């Protein structure tokens, strides 16, 4: 009798477990990063014509004994926009040449790598893959969370609501349509497959590089 009463309720146990771990999932850096990238894609889809700005997302490129992962690439006649997203809250401070920037949340300070430096690595990888001058690329950093940019950042350091206007403000064509088509083809064939195996390999590379930097 006890089993007959309990059995219909068993389906409810996975739901309770999910509810219990949901706050942890929502607070995880991985989920926040994923959400930030999706918000950028949604904003781009609404404001930037797909016939002019051709998007590539979660692009992993191979390097010598390494790899680099790029959140978004938008290829257009106005250049190749390389976008790094950060889903942070609080006050954000930093200078262009600083190795680390600061996140201040209610008086507590946290440090993170200067995203412009991250993007520079991305751009150098693209420069090598596409065999294009570095002036072809536009570095853009987008903060998608509930944060406030407190430093005097340049225009390419954006919040979610003004990253599309920034891209649209660059109106000087620097690539032909033939070049745009070639770049799109090179990215499609030169990137690693966007699958679990690629993501795991990239994470191993990141951890290995961190361990090498921290080793005596």
Protein backbone atom coordinates (compact mmCIF):
# COMPACT_ATOMS: atom_id res chain seq x y z
CA UNK A 1 0.00 0.00 0.00
CA UNK A 2 2.84 2.36 0.89
CA UNK A 3 4.48 1.77 -2.51
CA UNK A 4 1.22 2.34 -4.37
CA UNK A 5 0.88 5.70 -2.64
CA UNK A 6 4.50 6.70 -3.16
CA UNK A 7 4.89 5.58 -6.77
CA UNK A 8 2.81 8.40 -8.39
CA UNK A 9 4.95 10.94 -6.52
CA UNK A 10 8.29 9.67 -7.80
CA UNK A 11 8.11 11.84 -10.90
CA UNK A 12 8.14 14.83 -8.60
CA UNK A 13 11.57 14.02 -7.12
CA UNK A 14 13.62 15.12 -10.20
CA UNK A 15 11.67 18.38 -10.20
CA UNK A 16 12.51 18.98 -6.53
CA UNK A 17 16.17 18.23 -7.20
CA UNK A 18 16.20 20.65 -10.12
CA UNK A 19 14.60 23.38 -8.01
CA UNK A 20 17.19 22.78 -5.29
CA UNK A 21 20.20 23.20 -7.61
CA UNK A 22 18.68 25.94 -9.82
CA UNK A 23 20.11 28.87 -7.76
CA UNK A 24 23.59 27.36 -8.06
CA UNK A 25 23.18 26.98 -11.83
CA UNK A 26 21.99 30.57 -12.25
CA UNK A 27 24.96 31.91 -10.28
CA UNK A 28 27.59 29.85 -12.10
CA UNK A 29 30.06 31.71 -14.37
CA UNK A 30 29.30 29.27 -17.17
CA UNK A 31 25.58 30.07 -17.15
CA UNK A 32 26.21 33.81 -16.83
CA UNK A 33 28.58 33.68 -19.79
CA UNK A 34 26.09 31.72 -21.87
CA UNK A 35 23.29 34.14 -20.99
CA UNK A 36 25.42 37.17 -21.86
CA UNK A 37 26.26 35.73 -25.26
CA UNK A 38 22.60 34.99 -25.99
CA UNK A 39 21.61 38.55 -25.05
CA UNK A 40 24.18 39.93 -27.48
CA UNK A 41 22.93 37.64 -30.26
CA UNK A 42 19.34 38.75 -29.62
CA UNK A 43 20.28 42.44 -29.68
CA UNK A 44 22.27 42.00 -32.88
CA UNK A 45 19.43 40.13 -34.58
CA UNK A 46 17.07 43.00 -33.80
CA UNK A 47 19.35 45.88 -34.80
CA UNK A 48 21.97 44.72 -37.32
CA UNK A 49 20.93 43.47 -40.74
CA UNK A 50 22.06 39.86 -41.32
CA UNK A 51 22.62 40.76 -44.98
CA UNK A 52 25.31 43.26 -43.97
CA UNK A 53 26.65 41.90 -40.67
CA UNK A 54 27.31 38.17 -40.98
CA UNK A 55 27.50 36.55 -37.55
CA UNK A 56 29.64 33.69 -36.23
CA UNK A 57 29.24 32.64 -32.60
CA UNK A 58 31.33 30.57 -30.17
CA UNK A 59 34.18 30.35 -32.65
CA UNK A 60 37.13 28.25 -31.47
CA UNK A 61 40.33 28.61 -33.49
CA UNK A 62 43.34 26.31 -33.23
CA UNK A 63 46.69 27.76 -32.18
CA UNK A 64 50.07 26.10 -31.78
CA UNK A 65 49.61 23.88 -28.69
CA UNK A 66 46.63 26.01 -27.75
CA UNK A 67 43.24 27.32 -28.88
CA UNK A 68 41.25 30.52 -28.50
CA UNK A 69 37.49 30.92 -28.17
CA UNK A 70 35.72 33.99 -29.56
CA UNK A 71 32.22 34.88 -28.40
CA UNK A 72 31.04 36.65 -31.57
CA UNK A 73 32.42 37.69 -34.94
CA UNK A 74 30.48 39.95 -37.30
CA UNK A 75 31.87 40.19 -40.82
CA UNK A 76 30.87 43.21 -42.87
CA UNK A 77 32.21 45.59 -45.48
CA UNK A 78 32.94 47.94 -42.56
CA UNK A 79 35.38 45.48 -41.04
CA UNK A 80 35.48 42.33 -38.94
CA UNK A 81 33.97 43.02 -35.52
CA UNK A 82 35.40 40.79 -32.80
CA UNK A 83 33.11 40.86 -29.76
CA UNK A 84 33.96 39.75 -26.22
CA UNK A 85 31.00 39.61 -23.79
CA UNK A 86 31.10 40.00 -20.01
CA UNK A 87 27.99 39.33 -17.90
CA UNK A 88 28.99 41.21 -14.74
CA UNK A 89 27.23 43.31 -12.12
CA UNK A 90 28.47 46.12 -9.89
CA UNK A 91 30.86 48.92 -10.76
CA UNK A 92 33.54 48.29 -13.38
CA UNK A 93 36.86 50.13 -13.31
CA UNK A 94 39.90 49.82 -15.54
CA UNK A 95 42.36 51.35 -17.97
CA UNK A 96 43.15 50.25 -21.50
CA UNK A 97 46.70 49.18 -20.65
CA UNK A 98 45.94 47.56 -17.27
CA UNK A 99 46.42 43.80 -17.08
CA UNK A 100 43.46 43.50 -14.71
CA UNK A 101 40.19 45.41 -14.37
CA UNK A 102 38.16 45.72 -11.18
CA UNK A 103 34.60 44.74 -10.35
CA UNK A 104 33.25 46.42 -7.21
CA UNK A 105 30.13 44.90 -5.63
CA UNK A 106 28.96 46.65 -2.46
CA UNK A 107 32.53 47.51 -1.52
CA UNK A 108 34.01 44.09 -2.31
CA UNK A 109 36.55 44.13 -5.12
CA UNK A 110 37.14 41.35 -7.62
CA UNK A 111 39.73 41.39 -10.38
CA UNK A 112 39.39 40.01 -13.90
CA UNK A 113 41.55 39.96 -17.00
CA UNK A 114 41.38 43.07 -19.17
CA UNK A 115 38.93 41.95 -21.90
CA UNK A 116 40.74 44.10 -24.46
CA UNK A 117 43.78 41.90 -23.92
CA UNK A 118 41.63 38.81 -24.38
CA UNK A 119 40.29 40.24 -27.60
CA UNK A 120 43.78 41.11 -28.82
CA UNK A 121 44.65 37.41 -28.70
CA UNK A 122 41.47 36.66 -30.64
CA UNK A 123 42.30 39.26 -33.27
CA UNK A 124 45.87 37.99 -33.70
CA UNK A 125 44.50 34.48 -34.30
CA UNK A 126 42.05 35.85 -36.89
CA UNK A 127 44.79 37.94 -38.48
CA UNK A 128 46.82 34.77 -39.00
CA UNK A 129 43.88 32.67 -40.23
CA UNK A 130 42.48 35.26 -42.62
CA UNK A 131 45.80 36.81 -43.70
CA UNK A 132 44.43 40.32 -43.25
CA UNK A 133 46.01 43.46 -41.76
CA UNK A 134 45.15 44.13 -38.13
CA UNK A 135 43.40 47.36 -39.17
CA UNK A 136 40.65 45.19 -40.66
CA UNK A 137 39.47 44.17 -37.19
CA UNK A 138 37.38 46.11 -34.69
CA UNK A 139 37.66 45.06 -31.05
CA UNK A 140 34.38 45.39 -29.12
CA UNK A 141 33.69 44.51 -25.48
CA UNK A 142 30.06 44.27 -24.35
CA UNK A 143 29.00 44.21 -20.68
CA UNK A 144 25.55 42.62 -20.51
CA UNK A 145 24.89 42.42 -16.78
CA UNK A 146 23.51 44.93 -14.31
CA UNK A 147 26.76 46.87 -14.09
CA UNK A 148 27.93 50.45 -14.36
CA UNK A 149 31.06 51.42 -16.26
CA UNK A 150 32.73 53.91 -13.93
CA UNK A 151 36.00 54.57 -15.76
CA UNK A 152 36.44 56.77 -18.81
CA UNK A 153 36.29 53.86 -21.23
CA UNK A 154 36.58 54.30 -25.02
CA UNK A 155 33.50 53.89 -27.22
CA UNK A 156 34.26 50.25 -28.06
CA UNK A 157 33.69 49.28 -24.40
CA UNK A 158 29.89 49.04 -24.48
CA UNK A 159 26.82 48.15 -22.52
CA UNK A 160 24.25 45.90 -24.17
CA UNK A 161 22.06 48.84 -25.20
CA UNK A 162 24.76 50.72 -27.09
CA UNK A 163 26.95 48.11 -28.72
CA UNK A 164 24.82 48.04 -31.90
CA UNK A 165 24.85 51.87 -32.22
CA UNK A 166 28.63 51.73 -31.83
CA UNK A 167 28.98 49.20 -34.65
CA UNK A 168 26.57 51.20 -36.83
CA UNK A 169 28.61 54.35 -36.22
CA UNK A 170 31.51 52.87 -38.23
CA UNK A 171 30.40 53.59 -41.78
CA UNK A 172 33.60 53.61 -43.85
CA UNK A 173 33.77 50.52 -46.11
CA UNK A 174 37.15 48.78 -45.89
CA UNK A 175 36.27 45.43 -47.47
CA UNK A 176 34.69 44.50 -50.78
CA UNK A 177 31.77 42.11 -51.02
CA UNK A 178 34.15 39.56 -52.56
CA UNK A 179 36.44 39.87 -49.53
CA UNK A 180 33.50 39.54 -47.16
CA UNK A 181 32.41 36.32 -48.89
CA UNK A 182 35.95 34.94 -48.74
CA UNK A 183 36.28 35.74 -45.02
CA UNK A 184 32.97 34.03 -44.28
CA UNK A 185 34.15 30.91 -46.10
CA UNK A 186 37.51 30.94 -44.31
CA UNK A 187 35.81 31.21 -40.91
CA UNK A 188 33.39 28.41 -41.74
CA UNK A 189 36.21 26.05 -42.72
CA UNK A 190 38.95 27.28 -40.36
CA UNK A 191 37.06 27.12 -37.09
CA UNK A 192 36.93 23.96 -35.00
CA UNK A 193 33.63 22.15 -34.75
CA UNK A 194 31.28 23.76 -32.24
CA UNK A 195 30.71 20.67 -30.14
CA UNK A 196 31.39 19.26 -26.69
CA UNK A 197 34.74 17.74 -27.66
CA UNK A 198 36.04 21.12 -28.87
CA UNK A 199 34.84 22.88 -25.72
CA UNK A 200 36.48 20.28 -23.47
CA UNK A 201 39.78 20.55 -25.35
CA UNK A 202 39.70 24.34 -25.11
CA UNK A 203 39.03 24.19 -21.35
CA UNK A 204 41.99 21.82 -20.93
CA UNK A 205 44.18 24.25 -22.89
CA UNK A 206 43.08 27.16 -20.68
CA UNK A 207 43.80 25.21 -17.48
CA UNK A 208 47.14 24.02 -18.81
CA UNK A 209 48.19 27.58 -19.66
CA UNK A 210 47.16 28.80 -16.20
CA UNK A 211 49.15 26.02 -14.52
CA UNK A 212 52.19 26.85 -16.65
CA UNK A 213 51.97 30.54 -15.67
CA UNK A 214 51.64 29.69 -11.99
CA UNK A 215 54.44 27.14 -11.93
CA UNK A 216 57.84 28.32 -10.57
